[in-house]
Amino acid sequence: ARQDPELGRDLAAWMSRYGTPAQEVGTVH
């Protein structure tokens, strides 16, 4: 993702849609 900005954007979008962003670990949604 650091080497390929498009992959980085896609992974960040996946994390935003499905996972808990790193700064929010421990919170509940």
PDB file of all heavy atoms in Angstrom:
ATOM      1  N   ALA A   1       0.835  -1.214   0.000  1.00  0.00           N
ATOM      2  CA  ALA A   1       0.000   0.000   0.000  1.00  0.00           C
ATOM      3  C   ALA A   1       0.865   1.257   0.000  1.00  0.00           C
ATOM      4  O   ALA A   1       0.493   2.267  -0.591  1.00  0.00           O
ATOM      5  CB  ALA A   1      -0.947  -0.010   1.202  1.00  0.00           C
ATOM      6  N   ARG A   2       2.026   1.180   0.663  1.00  0.00           N
ATOM      7  CA  ARG A   2       2.946   2.330   0.643  1.00  0.00           C
ATOM      8  C   ARG A   2       3.544   2.514  -0.751  1.00  0.00           C
ATOM      9  O   ARG A   2       3.828   3.632  -1.167  1.00  0.00           O
ATOM     10  CB  ARG A   2       4.059   2.148   1.673  1.00  0.00           C
ATOM     11  CG  ARG A   2       3.607   2.397   3.103  1.00  0.00           C
ATOM     12  CD  ARG A   2       4.774   2.417   4.081  1.00  0.00           C
ATOM     13  NE  ARG A   2       5.317   1.104   4.365  1.00  0.00           N
ATOM     14  CZ  ARG A   2       4.794   0.236   5.219  1.00  0.00           C
ATOM     15  NH1 ARG A   2       3.696   0.548   5.872  1.00  0.00           N
ATOM     16  NH2 ARG A   2       5.365  -0.930   5.431  1.00  0.00           N
ATOM     17  N   GLN A   3       3.727   1.420  -1.472  1.00  0.00           N
ATOM     18  CA  GLN A   3       4.317   1.478  -2.811  1.00  0.00           C
ATOM     19  C   GLN A   3       3.286   1.813  -3.885  1.00  0.00           C
ATOM     20  O   GLN A   3       3.636   2.344  -4.928  1.00  0.00           O
ATOM     21  CB  GLN A   3       4.975   0.135  -3.155  1.00  0.00           C
ATOM     22  CG  GLN A   3       6.102  -0.240  -2.239  1.00  0.00           C
ATOM     23  CD  GLN A   3       6.539  -1.694  -2.434  1.00  0.00           C
ATOM     24  OE1 GLN A   3       6.017  -2.412  -3.273  1.00  0.00           O
ATOM     25  NE2 GLN A   3       7.505  -2.118  -1.634  1.00  0.00           N
ATOM     26  N   ASP A   4       2.037   1.460  -3.659  1.00  0.00           N
ATOM     27  CA  ASP A   4       0.972   1.608  -4.653  1.00  0.00           C
ATOM     28  C   ASP A   4      -0.159   2.449  -4.046  1.00  0.00           C
ATOM     29  O   ASP A   4      -0.993   1.924  -3.311  1.00  0.00           O
ATOM     30  CB  ASP A   4       0.473   0.218  -5.045  1.00  0.00           C
ATOM     31  CG  ASP A   4      -0.664   0.238  -6.055  1.00  0.00           C
ATOM     32  OD1 ASP A   4      -1.202   1.325  -6.365  1.00  0.00           O
ATOM     33  OD2 ASP A   4      -1.036  -0.848  -6.533  1.00  0.00           O
ATOM     34  N   PRO A   5      -0.192   3.753  -4.343  1.00  0.00           N
ATOM     35  CA  PRO A   5      -1.204   4.625  -3.733  1.00  0.00           C
ATOM     36  C   PRO A   5      -2.645   4.176  -3.999  1.00  0.00           C
ATOM     37  O   PRO A   5      -3.501   4.336  -3.140  1.00  0.00           O
ATOM     38  CB  PRO A   5      -0.935   5.984  -4.370  1.00  0.00           C
ATOM     39  CG  PRO A   5       0.485   5.924  -4.810  1.00  0.00           C
ATOM     40  CD  PRO A   5       0.735   4.491  -5.186  1.00  0.00           C
ATOM     41  N   GLU A   6      -2.892   3.585  -5.167  1.00  0.00           N
ATOM     42  CA  GLU A   6      -4.248   3.120  -5.454  1.00  0.00           C
ATOM     43  C   GLU A   6      -4.639   1.982  -4.504  1.00  0.00           C
ATOM     44  O   GLU A   6      -5.737   1.963  -3.952  1.00  0.00           O
ATOM     45  CB  GLU A   6      -4.359   2.650  -6.901  1.00  0.00           C
ATOM     46  CG  GLU A   6      -5.770   2.203  -7.256  1.00  0.00           C
ATOM     47  CD  GLU A   6      -5.887   1.718  -8.690  1.00  0.00           C
ATOM     48  OE1 GLU A   6      -4.958   1.919  -9.490  1.00  0.00           O
ATOM     49  OE2 GLU A   6      -6.933   1.123  -8.995  1.00  0.00           O
ATOM     50  N   LEU A   7      -3.734   1.031  -4.300  1.00  0.00           N
ATOM     51  CA  LEU A   7      -3.990  -0.045  -3.347  1.00  0.00           C
ATOM     52  C   LEU A   7      -4.155   0.528  -1.946  1.00  0.00           C
ATOM     53  O   LEU A   7      -5.040   0.109  -1.196  1.00  0.00           O
ATOM     54  CB  LEU A   7      -2.858  -1.082  -3.362  1.00  0.00           C
ATOM     55  CG  LEU A   7      -2.992  -2.220  -2.352  1.00  0.00           C
ATOM     56  CD1 LEU A   7      -4.217  -3.075  -2.634  1.00  0.00           C
ATOM     57  CD2 LEU A   7      -1.731  -3.067  -2.328  1.00  0.00           C
ATOM     58  N   GLY A   8      -3.332   1.502  -1.596  1.00  0.00           N
ATOM     59  CA  GLY A   8      -3.456   2.148  -0.283  1.00  0.00           C
ATOM     60  C   GLY A   8      -4.826   2.772  -0.082  1.00  0.00           C
ATOM     61  O   GLY A   8      -5.441   2.629   0.980  1.00  0.00           O
ATOM     62  N   ARG A   9      -5.330   3.465  -1.106  1.00  0.00           N
ATOM     63  CA  ARG A   9      -6.671   4.066  -1.012  1.00  0.00           C
ATOM     64  C   ARG A   9      -7.744   2.989  -0.884  1.00  0.00           C
ATOM     65  O   ARG A   9      -8.683   3.126  -0.102  1.00  0.00           O
ATOM     66  CB  ARG A   9      -6.946   4.944  -2.229  1.00  0.00           C
ATOM     67  CG  ARG A   9      -6.248   6.289  -2.201  1.00  0.00           C
ATOM     68  CD  ARG A   9      -6.726   7.201  -3.316  1.00  0.00           C
ATOM     69  NE  ARG A   9      -6.437   6.661  -4.643  1.00  0.00           N
ATOM     70  CZ  ARG A   9      -5.285   6.811  -5.286  1.00  0.00           C
ATOM     71  NH1 ARG A   9      -4.308   7.482  -4.728  1.00  0.00           N
ATOM     72  NH2 ARG A   9      -5.132   6.306  -6.493  1.00  0.00           N
ATOM     73  N   ASP A  10      -7.572   1.905  -1.660  1.00  0.00           N
ATOM     74  CA  ASP A  10      -8.574   0.834  -1.604  1.00  0.00           C
ATOM     75  C   ASP A  10      -8.577   0.131  -0.250  1.00  0.00           C
ATOM     76  O   ASP A  10      -9.635  -0.196   0.287  1.00  0.00           O
ATOM     77  CB  ASP A  10      -8.337  -0.170  -2.732  1.00  0.00           C
ATOM     78  CG  ASP A  10      -8.631   0.426  -4.107  1.00  0.00           C
ATOM     79  OD1 ASP A  10      -9.278   1.495  -4.180  1.00  0.00           O
ATOM     80  OD2 ASP A  10      -8.199  -0.179  -5.108  1.00  0.00           O
ATOM     81  N   LEU A  11      -7.395  -0.107   0.312  1.00  0.00           N
ATOM     82  CA  LEU A  11      -7.324  -0.732   1.644  1.00  0.00           C
ATOM     83  C   LEU A  11      -7.906   0.195   2.709  1.00  0.00           C
ATOM     84  O   LEU A  11      -8.626  -0.249   3.605  1.00  0.00           O
ATOM     85  CB  LEU A  11      -5.881  -1.091   1.999  1.00  0.00           C
ATOM     86  CG  LEU A  11      -5.340  -2.362   1.364  1.00  0.00           C
ATOM     87  CD1 LEU A  11      -3.843  -2.483   1.617  1.00  0.00           C
ATOM     88  CD2 LEU A  11      -6.064  -3.585   1.879  1.00  0.00           C
ATOM     89  N   ALA A  12      -7.596   1.497   2.613  1.00  0.00           N
ATOM     90  CA  ALA A  12      -8.148   2.458   3.575  1.00  0.00           C
ATOM     91  C   ALA A  12      -9.671   2.509   3.465  1.00  0.00           C
ATOM     92  O   ALA A  12     -10.375   2.587   4.481  1.00  0.00           O
ATOM     93  CB  ALA A  12      -7.537   3.832   3.354  1.00  0.00           C
ATOM     94  N   ALA A  13     -10.189   2.440   2.238  1.00  0.00           N
ATOM     95  CA  ALA A  13     -11.641   2.437   2.052  1.00  0.00           C
ATOM     96  C   ALA A  13     -12.254   1.169   2.650  1.00  0.00           C
ATOM     97  O   ALA A  13     -13.318   1.221   3.268  1.00  0.00           O
ATOM     98  CB  ALA A  13     -11.980   2.544   0.561  1.00  0.00           C
ATOM     99  N   TRP A  14     -11.567   0.016   2.469  1.00  0.00           N
ATOM    100  CA  TRP A  14     -12.062  -1.227   3.064  1.00  0.00           C
ATOM    101  C   TRP A  14     -12.111  -1.097   4.585  1.00  0.00           C
ATOM    102  O   TRP A  14     -13.096  -1.473   5.217  1.00  0.00           O
ATOM    103  CB  TRP A  14     -11.172  -2.414   2.662  1.00  0.00           C
ATOM    104  CG  TRP A  14     -11.672  -3.703   3.239  1.00  0.00           C
ATOM    105  CD1 TRP A  14     -12.578  -4.544   2.698  1.00  0.00           C
ATOM    106  CD2 TRP A  14     -11.311  -4.269   4.500  1.00  0.00           C
ATOM    107  NE1 TRP A  14     -12.804  -5.611   3.539  1.00  0.00           N
ATOM    108  CE2 TRP A  14     -12.041  -5.468   4.659  1.00  0.00           C
ATOM    109  CE3 TRP A  14     -10.434  -3.887   5.519  1.00  0.00           C
ATOM    110  CZ2 TRP A  14     -11.920  -6.268   5.781  1.00  0.00           C
ATOM    111  CZ3 TRP A  14     -10.321  -4.694   6.643  1.00  0.00           C
ATOM    112  CH2 TRP A  14     -11.062  -5.870   6.764  1.00  0.00           C
ATOM    113  N   MET A  15     -11.033  -0.565   5.161  1.00  0.00           N
ATOM    114  CA  MET A  15     -10.990  -0.415   6.615  1.00  0.00           C
ATOM    115  C   MET A  15     -12.078   0.539   7.098  1.00  0.00           C
ATOM    116  O   MET A  15     -12.703   0.296   8.132  1.00  0.00           O
ATOM    117  CB  MET A  15      -9.608   0.086   7.046  1.00  0.00           C
ATOM    118  CG  MET A  15      -8.535  -0.975   6.865  1.00  0.00           C
ATOM    119  SD  MET A  15      -6.860  -0.369   7.132  1.00  0.00           S
ATOM    120  CE  MET A  15      -6.963   0.274   8.778  1.00  0.00           C
ATOM    121  N   SER A  16     -12.309   1.592   6.350  1.00  0.00           N
ATOM    122  CA  SER A  16     -13.350   2.548   6.729  1.00  0.00           C
ATOM    123  C   SER A  16     -14.738   1.917   6.658  1.00  0.00           C
ATOM    124  O   SER A  16     -15.588   2.165   7.512  1.00  0.00           O
ATOM    125  CB  SER A  16     -13.274   3.765   5.797  1.00  0.00           C
ATOM    126  OG  SER A  16     -14.319   4.647   6.050  1.00  0.00           O
ATOM    127  N   ARG A  17     -14.946   1.085   5.646  1.00  0.00           N
ATOM    128  CA  ARG A  17     -16.265   0.477   5.472  1.00  0.00           C
ATOM    129  C   ARG A  17     -16.518  -0.690   6.415  1.00  0.00           C
ATOM    130  O   ARG A  17     -17.612  -0.852   6.958  1.00  0.00           O
ATOM    131  CB  ARG A  17     -16.418  -0.003   4.031  1.00  0.00           C
ATOM    132  CG  ARG A  17     -17.748  -0.647   3.780  1.00  0.00           C
ATOM    133  CD  ARG A  17     -17.985  -0.931   2.341  1.00  0.00           C
ATOM    134  NE  ARG A  17     -19.312  -1.510   2.175  1.00  0.00           N
ATOM    135  CZ  ARG A  17     -19.801  -1.890   1.040  1.00  0.00           C
ATOM    136  NH1 ARG A  17     -19.099  -1.753  -0.049  1.00  0.00           N
ATOM    137  NH2 ARG A  17     -20.998  -2.414   0.977  1.00  0.00           N
ATOM    138  N   TYR A  18     -15.510  -1.550   6.605  1.00  0.00           N
ATOM    139  CA  TYR A  18     -15.743  -2.798   7.320  1.00  0.00           C
ATOM    140  C   TYR A  18     -15.085  -2.902   8.688  1.00  0.00           C
ATOM    141  O   TYR A  18     -15.569  -3.630   9.537  1.00  0.00           O
ATOM    142  CB  TYR A  18     -15.249  -3.991   6.485  1.00  0.00           C
ATOM    143  CG  TYR A  18     -15.998  -4.194   5.210  1.00  0.00           C
ATOM    144  CD1 TYR A  18     -15.390  -3.977   3.988  1.00  0.00           C
ATOM    145  CD2 TYR A  18     -17.317  -4.620   5.219  1.00  0.00           C
ATOM    146  CE1 TYR A  18     -16.073  -4.186   2.803  1.00  0.00           C
ATOM    147  CE2 TYR A  18     -18.013  -4.827   4.043  1.00  0.00           C
ATOM    148  CZ  TYR A  18     -17.383  -4.606   2.836  1.00  0.00           C
ATOM    149  OH  TYR A  18     -18.055  -4.816   1.672  1.00  0.00           O
ATOM    150  N   GLY A  19     -13.956  -2.286   8.874  1.00  0.00           N
ATOM    151  CA  GLY A  19     -13.194  -2.502  10.096  1.00  0.00           C
ATOM    152  C   GLY A  19     -13.190  -1.306  11.019  1.00  0.00           C
ATOM    153  O   GLY A  19     -13.770  -0.269  10.734  1.00  0.00           O
ATOM    154  N   THR A  20     -12.538  -1.473  12.120  1.00  0.00           N
ATOM    155  CA  THR A  20     -12.387  -0.400  13.086  1.00  0.00           C
ATOM    156  C   THR A  20     -11.105   0.350  12.770  1.00  0.00           C
ATOM    157  O   THR A  20     -10.038  -0.257  12.769  1.00  0.00           O
ATOM    158  CB  THR A  20     -12.289  -0.965  14.520  1.00  0.00           C
ATOM    159  OG1 THR A  20     -13.455  -1.727  14.773  1.00  0.00           O
ATOM    160  CG2 THR A  20     -12.159   0.140  15.545  1.00  0.00           C
ATOM    161  N   PRO A  21     -11.186   1.646  12.461  1.00  0.00           N
ATOM    162  CA  PRO A  21      -9.951   2.387  12.225  1.00  0.00           C
ATOM    163  C   PRO A  21      -9.030   2.299  13.440  1.00  0.00           C
ATOM    164  O   PRO A  21      -9.489   2.216  14.572  1.00  0.00           O
ATOM    165  CB  PRO A  21     -10.429   3.829  12.006  1.00  0.00           C
ATOM    166  CG  PRO A  21     -11.863   3.690  11.585  1.00  0.00           C
ATOM    167  CD  PRO A  21     -12.373   2.464  12.301  1.00  0.00           C
ATOM    168  N   ALA A  22      -7.728   2.331  13.208  1.00  0.00           N
ATOM    169  CA  ALA A  22      -6.747   2.121  14.268  1.00  0.00           C
ATOM    170  C   ALA A  22      -6.944   3.080  15.441  1.00  0.00           C
ATOM    171  O   ALA A  22      -6.768   2.712  16.585  1.00  0.00           O
ATOM    172  CB  ALA A  22      -5.333   2.252  13.711  1.00  0.00           C
ATOM    173  N   GLN A  23      -7.314   4.330  15.174  1.00  0.00           N
ATOM    174  CA  GLN A  23      -7.449   5.285  16.264  1.00  0.00           C
ATOM    175  C   GLN A  23      -8.696   5.039  17.105  1.00  0.00           C
ATOM    176  O   GLN A  23      -8.869   5.642  18.137  1.00  0.00           O
ATOM    177  CB  GLN A  23      -7.445   6.722  15.740  1.00  0.00           C
ATOM    178  CG  GLN A  23      -8.647   7.102  14.908  1.00  0.00           C
ATOM    179  CD  GLN A  23      -8.471   6.784  13.436  1.00  0.00           C
ATOM    180  OE1 GLN A  23      -7.617   5.997  13.046  1.00  0.00           O
ATOM    181  NE2 GLN A  23      -9.276   7.396  12.589  1.00  0.00           N
ATOM    182  N   GLU A  24      -9.561   4.136  16.669  1.00  0.00           N
ATOM    183  CA  GLU A  24     -10.787   3.887  17.405  1.00  0.00           C
ATOM    184  C   GLU A  24     -10.827   2.511  18.051  1.00  0.00           C
ATOM    185  O   GLU A  24     -11.884   2.059  18.468  1.00  0.00           O
ATOM    186  CB  GLU A  24     -11.989   4.039  16.469  1.00  0.00           C
ATOM    187  CG  GLU A  24     -12.168   5.446  15.946  1.00  0.00           C
ATOM    188  CD  GLU A  24     -13.418   5.568  15.101  1.00  0.00           C
ATOM    189  OE1 GLU A  24     -14.384   4.824  15.349  1.00  0.00           O
ATOM    190  OE2 GLU A  24     -13.430   6.403  14.207  1.00  0.00           O
ATOM    191  N   VAL A  25      -9.699   1.826  18.138  1.00  0.00           N
ATOM    192  CA  VAL A  25      -9.688   0.506  18.746  1.00  0.00           C
ATOM    193  C   VAL A  25     -10.205   0.635  20.176  1.00  0.00           C
ATOM    194  O   VAL A  25      -9.782   1.500  20.932  1.00  0.00           O
ATOM    195  CB  VAL A  25      -8.271  -0.103  18.711  1.00  0.00           C
ATOM    196  CG1 VAL A  25      -8.220  -1.384  19.529  1.00  0.00           C
ATOM    197  CG2 VAL A  25      -7.855  -0.368  17.286  1.00  0.00           C
ATOM    198  N   GLY A  26     -11.147  -0.213  20.528  1.00  0.00           N
ATOM    199  CA  GLY A  26     -11.722  -0.190  21.865  1.00  0.00           C
ATOM    200  C   GLY A  26     -13.075   0.489  21.915  1.00  0.00           C
ATOM    201  O   GLY A  26     -13.803   0.332  22.882  1.00  0.00           O
ATOM    202  N   THR A  27     -13.432   1.257  20.894  1.00  0.00           N
ATOM    203  CA  THR A  27     -14.751   1.864  20.876  1.00  0.00           C
ATOM    204  C   THR A  27     -15.730   0.890  20.243  1.00  0.00           C
ATOM    205  O   THR A  27     -15.345  -0.064  19.590  1.00  0.00           O
ATOM    206  CB  THR A  27     -14.758   3.191  20.083  1.00  0.00           C
ATOM    207  OG1 THR A  27     -14.357   2.917  18.745  1.00  0.00           O
ATOM    208  CG2 THR A  27     -13.830   4.202  20.707  1.00  0.00           C
ATOM    209  N   VAL A  28     -16.996   1.152  20.447  1.00  0.00           N
ATOM    210  CA  VAL A  28     -18.029   0.264  19.936  1.00  0.00           C
ATOM    211  C   VAL A  28     -18.925   1.049  18.990  1.00  0.00           C
ATOM    212  O   VAL A  28     -19.347   2.154  19.296  1.00  0.00           O
ATOM    213  CB  VAL A  28     -18.876  -0.318  21.091  1.00  0.00           C
ATOM    214  CG1 VAL A  28     -20.024  -1.146  20.555  1.00  0.00           C
ATOM    215  CG2 VAL A  28     -18.001  -1.141  22.005  1.00  0.00           C
ATOM    216  N   HIS A  29     -19.199   0.452  17.848  1.00  0.00           N
ATOM    217  CA  HIS A  29     -20.136   1.014  16.876  1.00  0.00           C
ATOM    218  C   HIS A  29     -21.133  -0.082  16.550  1.00  0.00           C
ATOM    219  O   HIS A  29     -20.858  -0.947  15.731  1.00  0.00           O
ATOM    220  CB  HIS A  29     -19.410   1.466  15.604  1.00  0.00           C
ATOM    221  CG  HIS A  29     -18.372   2.495  15.853  1.00  0.00           C
ATOM    222  ND1 HIS A  29     -18.666   3.838  15.955  1.00  0.00           N
ATOM    223  CD2 HIS A  29     -17.051   2.386  16.042  1.00  0.00           C
ATOM    224  CE1 HIS A  29     -17.560   4.502  16.193  1.00  0.00           C
ATOM    225  NE2 HIS A  29     -16.564   3.646  16.252  1.00  0.00           N
TER     226      HIS A  29
END
